[in-house]
PDB file of N, CA and C in Angstrom:
ATOM      1  N   UNK A   1     133.183 104.003 100.570  1.00  0.00           N
ATOM      2  CA  UNK A   1     131.986 104.275 101.339  1.00  0.00           C
ATOM      3  C   UNK A   1     130.941 103.178 101.113  1.00  0.00           C
ATOM      4  N   UNK A   2     130.099 103.004 102.090  1.00  0.00           N
ATOM      5  CA  UNK A   2     129.020 102.039 101.994  1.00  0.00           C
ATOM      6  C   UNK A   2     127.904 102.606 101.128  1.00  0.00           C
ATOM      7  N   UNK A   3     127.322 101.771 100.313  1.00  0.00           N
ATOM      8  CA  UNK A   3     126.243 102.182  99.410  1.00  0.00           C
ATOM      9  C   UNK A   3     124.889 101.723  99.954  1.00  0.00           C
ATOM     10  N   UNK A   4     123.850 102.465  99.598  1.00  0.00           N
ATOM     11  CA  UNK A   4     122.485 102.137 100.015  1.00  0.00           C
ATOM     12  C   UNK A   4     122.043 100.839  99.332  1.00  0.00           C
ATOM     13  N   UNK A   5     121.574  99.898 100.134  1.00  0.00           N
ATOM     14  CA  UNK A   5     121.142  98.600  99.622  1.00  0.00           C
ATOM     15  C   UNK A   5     119.942  98.742  98.695  1.00  0.00           C
ATOM     16  N   UNK A   6     118.946  99.547  99.095  1.00  0.00           N
ATOM     17  CA  UNK A   6     117.736  99.705  98.289  1.00  0.00           C
ATOM     18  C   UNK A   6     118.040 100.405  96.959  1.00  0.00           C
ATOM     19  N   UNK A   7     118.950 101.377  96.961  1.00  0.00           N
ATOM     20  CA  UNK A   7     119.330 102.049  95.718  1.00  0.00           C
ATOM     21  C   UNK A   7     120.041 101.079  94.776  1.00  0.00           C
ATOM     22  N   UNK A   8     120.892 100.224  95.335  1.00  0.00           N
ATOM     23  CA  UNK A   8     121.602  99.259  94.501  1.00  0.00           C
ATOM     24  C   UNK A   8     120.627  98.311  93.823  1.00  0.00           C
ATOM     25  N   UNK A   9     119.525  97.945  94.508  1.00  0.00           N
ATOM     26  CA  UNK A   9     118.505  97.109  93.881  1.00  0.00           C
ATOM     27  C   UNK A   9     117.812  97.835  92.734  1.00  0.00           C
ATOM     28  N   UNK A  10     117.791  99.172  92.778  1.00  0.00           N
ATOM     29  CA  UNK A  10     117.186  99.987  91.721  1.00  0.00           C
ATOM     30  C   UNK A  10     118.185 100.354  90.633  1.00  0.00           C
ATOM     31  N   UNK A  11     119.427  99.891  90.769  1.00  0.00           N
ATOM     32  CA  UNK A  11     120.452 100.169  89.770  1.00  0.00           C
ATOM     33  C   UNK A  11     121.158 101.497  89.958  1.00  0.00           C
ATOM     34  N   UNK A  12     121.031 102.116  91.140  1.00  0.00           N
ATOM     35  CA  UNK A  12     121.695 103.384  91.439  1.00  0.00           C
ATOM     36  C   UNK A  12     122.772 103.156  92.485  1.00  0.00           C
ATOM     37  N   UNK A  13     123.719 104.089  92.551  1.00  0.00           N
ATOM     38  CA  UNK A  13     124.747 104.040  93.587  1.00  0.00           C
ATOM     39  C   UNK A  13     124.664 105.310  94.411  1.00  0.00           C
ATOM     40  N   UNK A  14     124.147 105.187  95.630  1.00  0.00           N
ATOM     41  CA  UNK A  14     124.005 106.313  96.537  1.00  0.00           C
ATOM     42  C   UNK A  14     124.681 105.953  97.847  1.00  0.00           C
ATOM     43  N   UNK A  15     125.407 106.912  98.422  1.00  0.00           N
ATOM     44  CA  UNK A  15     126.081 106.635  99.683  1.00  0.00           C
ATOM     45  C   UNK A  15     125.079 106.491 100.818  1.00  0.00           C
ATOM     46  N   UNK A  16     125.345 105.540 101.695  1.00  0.00           N
ATOM     47  CA  UNK A  16     124.476 105.291 102.836  1.00  0.00           C
ATOM     48  C   UNK A  16     124.784 106.286 103.952  1.00  0.00           C
ATOM     49  N   UNK A  17     123.733 106.653 104.682  1.00  0.00           N
ATOM     50  CA  UNK A  17     123.884 107.566 105.818  1.00  0.00           C
ATOM     51  C   UNK A  17     123.351 106.950 107.105  1.00  0.00           C
ATOM     52  N   UNK A  18     122.703 105.790 107.005  1.00  0.00           N
ATOM     53  CA  UNK A  18     122.108 105.155 108.176  1.00  0.00           C
ATOM     54  C   UNK A  18     122.076 103.647 107.980  1.00  0.00           C
ATOM     55  N   UNK A  19     121.771 102.945 109.069  1.00  0.00           N
ATOM     56  CA  UNK A  19     121.633 101.492 109.045  1.00  0.00           C
ATOM     57  C   UNK A  19     120.310 101.151 109.721  1.00  0.00           C
ATOM     58  N   UNK A  20     119.535 100.261 109.117  1.00  0.00           N
ATOM     59  CA  UNK A  20     118.262  99.833 109.693  1.00  0.00           C
ATOM     60  C   UNK A  20     118.532  99.073 110.990  1.00  0.00           C
ATOM     61  N   UNK A  21     117.828  99.439 112.065  1.00  0.00           N
ATOM     62  CA  UNK A  21     118.059  98.795 113.362  1.00  0.00           C
ATOM     63  C   UNK A  21     117.499  97.384 113.429  1.00  0.00           C
ATOM     64  N   UNK A  22     116.673  96.995 112.453  1.00  0.00           N
ATOM     65  CA  UNK A  22     116.080  95.659 112.466  1.00  0.00           C
ATOM     66  C   UNK A  22     116.876  94.699 111.579  1.00  0.00           C
ATOM     67  N   UNK A  23     117.011  95.025 110.294  1.00  0.00           N
ATOM     68  CA  UNK A  23     117.656  94.092 109.366  1.00  0.00           C
ATOM     69  C   UNK A  23     119.135  94.406 109.118  1.00  0.00           C
ATOM     70  N   UNK A  24     119.580  95.625 109.439  1.00  0.00           N
ATOM     71  CA  UNK A  24     120.987  95.972 109.328  1.00  0.00           C
ATOM     72  C   UNK A  24     121.456  96.445 107.973  1.00  0.00           C
ATOM     73  N   UNK A  25     120.553  96.628 107.002  1.00  0.00           N
ATOM     74  CA  UNK A  25     121.028  97.071 105.699  1.00  0.00           C
ATOM     75  C   UNK A  25     121.301  98.574 105.706  1.00  0.00           C
ATOM     76  N   UNK A  26     122.300  98.977 104.922  1.00  0.00           N
ATOM     77  CA  UNK A  26     122.691 100.375 104.811  1.00  0.00           C
ATOM     78  C   UNK A  26     121.663 101.123 103.967  1.00  0.00           C
ATOM     79  N   UNK A  27     121.387 102.383 104.349  1.00  0.00           N
ATOM     80  CA  UNK A  27     120.332 103.160 103.699  1.00  0.00           C
ATOM     81  C   UNK A  27     120.777 104.590 103.427  1.00  0.00           C
ATOM     82  N   UNK A  28     120.250 105.151 102.328  1.00  0.00           N
ATOM     83  CA  UNK A  28     120.467 106.566 102.028  1.00  0.00           C
ATOM     84  C   UNK A  28     119.369 107.390 102.703  1.00  0.00           C
ATOM     85  N   UNK A  29     119.406 108.703 102.549  1.00  0.00           N
ATOM     86  CA  UNK A  29     118.389 109.572 103.153  1.00  0.00           C
ATOM     87  C   UNK A  29     116.993 109.270 102.618  1.00  0.00           C
ATOM     88  N   UNK A  30     116.880 108.928 101.345  1.00  0.00           N
ATOM     89  CA  UNK A  30     115.565 108.665 100.751  1.00  0.00           C
ATOM     90  C   UNK A  30     114.940 107.361 101.242  1.00  0.00           C
ATOM     91  N   UNK A  31     115.752 106.382 101.557  1.00  0.00           N
ATOM     92  CA  UNK A  31     115.232 105.079 101.966  1.00  0.00           C
ATOM     93  C   UNK A  31     115.230 104.876 103.485  1.00  0.00           C
ATOM     94  N   UNK A  32     115.768 105.824 104.235  1.00  0.00           N
ATOM     95  CA  UNK A  32     115.810 105.730 105.689  1.00  0.00           C
ATOM     96  C   UNK A  32     114.641 106.491 106.295  1.00  0.00           C
ATOM     97  N   UNK A  33     113.947 105.866 107.221  1.00  0.00           N
ATOM     98  CA  UNK A  33     112.840 106.499 107.933  1.00  0.00           C
ATOM     99  C   UNK A  33     113.196 106.562 109.415  1.00  0.00           C
ATOM    100  N   UNK A  34     113.035 107.745 110.007  1.00  0.00           N
ATOM    101  CA  UNK A  34     113.339 107.889 111.426  1.00  0.00           C
ATOM    102  C   UNK A  34     112.125 107.497 112.255  1.00  0.00           C
ATOM    103  N   UNK A  35     112.362 106.667 113.225  1.00  0.00           N
ATOM    104  CA  UNK A  35     111.330 106.193 114.126  1.00  0.00           C
ATOM    105  C   UNK A  35     111.703 106.672 115.526  1.00  0.00           C
ATOM    106  N   UNK A  36     110.775 107.328 116.207  1.00  0.00           N
ATOM    107  CA  UNK A  36     111.027 107.796 117.563  1.00  0.00           C
ATOM    108  C   UNK A  36     110.453 106.765 118.539  1.00  0.00           C
ATOM    109  N   UNK A  37     111.333 106.086 119.254  1.00  0.00           N
ATOM    110  CA  UNK A  37     110.899 105.085 120.218  1.00  0.00           C
ATOM    111  C   UNK A  37     110.562 105.769 121.539  1.00  0.00           C
ATOM    112  N   UNK A  38     109.357 105.541 122.066  1.00  0.00           N
ATOM    113  CA  UNK A  38     108.992 106.160 123.341  1.00  0.00           C
ATOM    114  C   UNK A  38     109.835 105.598 124.487  1.00  0.00           C
ATOM    115  N   UNK A  39     110.123 106.450 125.461  1.00  0.00           N
ATOM    116  CA  UNK A  39     110.944 106.048 126.596  1.00  0.00           C
ATOM    117  C   UNK A  39     110.187 106.358 127.883  1.00  0.00           C
ATOM    118  N   UNK A  40     110.162 105.403 128.783  1.00  0.00           N
ATOM    119  CA  UNK A  40     109.563 105.630 130.094  1.00  0.00           C
ATOM    120  C   UNK A  40     110.522 105.122 131.161  1.00  0.00           C
ATOM    121  N   UNK A  41     110.433 105.731 132.344  1.00  0.00           N
ATOM    122  CA  UNK A  41     111.297 105.345 133.460  1.00  0.00           C
ATOM    123  C   UNK A  41     110.446 105.161 134.706  1.00  0.00           C
ATOM    124  N   UNK A  42     110.924 104.387 135.629  1.00  0.00           N
ATOM    125  CA  UNK A  42     110.220 104.164 136.880  1.00  0.00           C
ATOM    126  C   UNK A  42     109.481 102.847 136.892  1.00  0.00           C
ATOM    127  N   UNK A  43     108.904 102.557 138.052  1.00  0.00           N
ATOM    128  CA  UNK A  43     108.134 101.331 138.237  1.00  0.00           C
ATOM    129  C   UNK A  43     106.683 101.703 138.528  1.00  0.00           C
ATOM    130  N   UNK A  44     105.739 100.883 138.042  1.00  0.00           N
ATOM    131  CA  UNK A  44     104.334 101.178 138.307  1.00  0.00           C
ATOM    132  C   UNK A  44     104.086 101.270 139.816  1.00  0.00           C
ATOM    133  N   UNK A  45     103.301 102.132 140.256  1.00  0.00           N
ATOM    134  CA  UNK A  45     102.458 103.079 139.527  1.00  0.00           C
ATOM    135  C   UNK A  45     103.127 104.414 139.253  1.00  0.00           C
ATOM    136  N   UNK A  46     104.432 104.517 139.453  1.00  0.00           N
ATOM    137  CA  UNK A  46     105.154 105.782 139.296  1.00  0.00           C
ATOM    138  C   UNK A  46     105.975 105.789 138.012  1.00  0.00           C
ATOM    139  N   UNK A  47     105.331 105.540 136.890  1.00  0.00           N
ATOM    140  CA  UNK A  47     106.004 105.520 135.595  1.00  0.00           C
ATOM    141  C   UNK A  47     105.927 106.913 134.975  1.00  0.00           C
ATOM    142  N   UNK A  48     107.063 107.387 134.511  1.00  0.00           N
ATOM    143  CA  UNK A  48     107.113 108.699 133.869  1.00  0.00           C
ATOM    144  C   UNK A  48     107.534 108.511 132.411  1.00  0.00           C
ATOM    145  N   UNK A  49     106.757 109.071 131.507  1.00  0.00           N
ATOM    146  CA  UNK A  49     107.095 109.012 130.088  1.00  0.00           C
ATOM    147  C   UNK A  49     107.922 110.246 129.739  1.00  0.00           C
ATOM    148  N   UNK A  50     109.110 110.035 129.227  1.00  0.00           N
ATOM    149  CA  UNK A  50     109.992 111.148 128.893  1.00  0.00           C
ATOM    150  C   UNK A  50     109.496 111.881 127.656  1.00  0.00           C
ATOM    151  N   UNK A  51     109.696 113.172 127.639  1.00  0.00           N
ATOM    152  CA  UNK A  51     109.215 114.023 126.543  1.00  0.00           C
ATOM    153  C   UNK A  51     109.871 113.643 125.214  1.00  0.00           C
ATOM    154  N   UNK A  52     111.171 113.438 125.227  1.00  0.00           N
ATOM    155  CA  UNK A  52     111.890 113.086 123.996  1.00  0.00           C
ATOM    156  C   UNK A  52     112.121 111.585 123.942  1.00  0.00           C
ATOM    157  N   UNK A  53     111.802 110.996 122.794  1.00  0.00           N
ATOM    158  CA  UNK A  53     112.058 109.581 122.594  1.00  0.00           C
ATOM    159  C   UNK A  53     113.443 109.360 122.023  1.00  0.00           C
ATOM    160  N   UNK A  54     113.747 108.123 121.715  1.00  0.00           N
ATOM    161  CA  UNK A  54     115.030 107.766 121.105  1.00  0.00           C
ATOM    162  C   UNK A  54     114.866 107.658 119.596  1.00  0.00           C
ATOM    163  N   UNK A  55     115.572 108.491 118.831  1.00  0.00           N
ATOM    164  CA  UNK A  55     115.462 108.383 117.373  1.00  0.00           C
ATOM    165  C   UNK A  55     116.243 107.172 116.861  1.00  0.00           C
ATOM    166  N   UNK A  56     115.613 106.399 116.006  1.00  0.00           N
ATOM    167  CA  UNK A  56     116.237 105.231 115.379  1.00  0.00           C
ATOM    168  C   UNK A  56     115.836 105.201 113.912  1.00  0.00           C
ATOM    169  N   UNK A  57     116.665 104.583 113.072  1.00  0.00           N
ATOM    170  CA  UNK A  57     116.394 104.509 111.640  1.00  0.00           C
ATOM    171  C   UNK A  57     115.968 103.100 111.248  1.00  0.00           C
ATOM    172  N   UNK A  58     114.995 103.056 110.321  1.00  0.00           N
ATOM    173  CA  UNK A  58     114.516 101.784 109.792  1.00  0.00           C
ATOM    174  C   UNK A  58     114.308 101.908 108.290  1.00  0.00           C
ATOM    175  N   UNK A  59     114.373 100.780 107.599  1.00  0.00           N
ATOM    176  CA  UNK A  59     114.060 100.753 106.173  1.00  0.00           C
ATOM    177  C   UNK A  59     112.541 100.665 106.009  1.00  0.00           C
ATOM    178  N   UNK A  60     112.060 100.945 104.814  1.00  0.00           N
ATOM    179  CA  UNK A  60     110.621 100.921 104.559  1.00  0.00           C
ATOM    180  C   UNK A  60     110.020  99.541 104.812  1.00  0.00           C
ATOM    181  N   UNK A  61     110.736  98.493 104.431  1.00  0.00           N
ATOM    182  CA  UNK A  61     110.221  97.134 104.610  1.00  0.00           C
ATOM    183  C   UNK A  61     110.013  96.822 106.094  1.00  0.00           C
ATOM    184  N   UNK A  62     111.030  97.048 106.896  1.00  0.00           N
ATOM    185  CA  UNK A  62     110.923  96.746 108.328  1.00  0.00           C
ATOM    186  C   UNK A  62     109.912  97.660 109.007  1.00  0.00           C
ATOM    187  N   UNK A  63     109.874  98.914 108.605  1.00  0.00           N
ATOM    188  CA  UNK A  63     108.912  99.842 109.191  1.00  0.00           C
ATOM    189  C   UNK A  63     107.486  99.373 108.944  1.00  0.00           C
ATOM    190  N   UNK A  64     107.218  98.858 107.759  1.00  0.00           N
ATOM    191  CA  UNK A  64     105.884  98.388 107.426  1.00  0.00           C
ATOM    192  C   UNK A  64     105.518  97.052 108.027  1.00  0.00           C
ATOM    193  N   UNK A  65     106.520  96.257 108.424  1.00  0.00           N
ATOM    194  CA  UNK A  65     106.240  94.905 108.913  1.00  0.00           C
ATOM    195  C   UNK A  65     106.490  94.697 110.407  1.00  0.00           C
ATOM    196  N   UNK A  66     107.152  95.626 111.055  1.00  0.00           N
ATOM    197  CA  UNK A  66     107.522  95.441 112.462  1.00  0.00           C
ATOM    198  C   UNK A  66     106.776  96.387 113.391  1.00  0.00           C
ATOM    199  N   UNK A  67     106.545  97.608 112.942  1.00  0.00           N
ATOM    200  CA  UNK A  67     106.002  98.644 113.808  1.00  0.00           C
ATOM    201  C   UNK A  67     104.526  98.429 114.081  1.00  0.00           C
ATOM    202  N   UNK A  68     104.133  98.657 115.311  1.00  0.00           N
ATOM    203  CA  UNK A  68     102.733  98.552 115.707  1.00  0.00           C
ATOM    204  C   UNK A  68     102.227  99.954 116.062  1.00  0.00           C
ATOM    205  N   UNK A  69     100.978 100.073 116.425  1.00  0.00           N
ATOM    206  CA  UNK A  69     100.386 101.370 116.692  1.00  0.00           C
ATOM    207  C   UNK A  69     100.972 102.087 117.898  1.00  0.00           C
ATOM    208  N   UNK A  70     101.743 101.436 118.713  1.00  0.00           N
ATOM    209  CA  UNK A  70     102.293 102.045 119.922  1.00  0.00           C
ATOM    210  C   UNK A  70     103.428 103.014 119.663  1.00  0.00           C
ATOM    211  N   UNK A  71     103.907 103.097 118.443  1.00  0.00           N
ATOM    212  CA  UNK A  71     105.035 103.963 118.134  1.00  0.00           C
ATOM    213  C   UNK A  71     104.579 105.179 117.351  1.00  0.00           C
ATOM    214  N   UNK A  72     105.312 106.275 117.514  1.00  0.00           N
ATOM    215  CA  UNK A  72     105.020 107.514 116.767  1.00  0.00           C
ATOM    216  C   UNK A  72     105.968 107.579 115.592  1.00  0.00           C
ATOM    217  N   UNK A  73     105.449 107.512 114.391  1.00  0.00           N
ATOM    218  CA  UNK A  73     106.279 107.539 113.185  1.00  0.00           C
ATOM    219  C   UNK A  73     106.206 108.908 112.558  1.00  0.00           C
TER     220      UNK A  73
END
């Protein structure tokens, strides 16, 4: 099984359950953060924002350095 990259840096061995969509490192439940990406369809001026976004996983580092205020964390 794949091990969590962040846990291995801490000297632990934990199985990974997700992969960061930005950097690609494997993550356990403790180091994985779910990010809901907003989804909209249509062309202006008829743009519709869908109620449910797309869930994606990110590591703490990428979440802190990539995400802007436009996303719901």
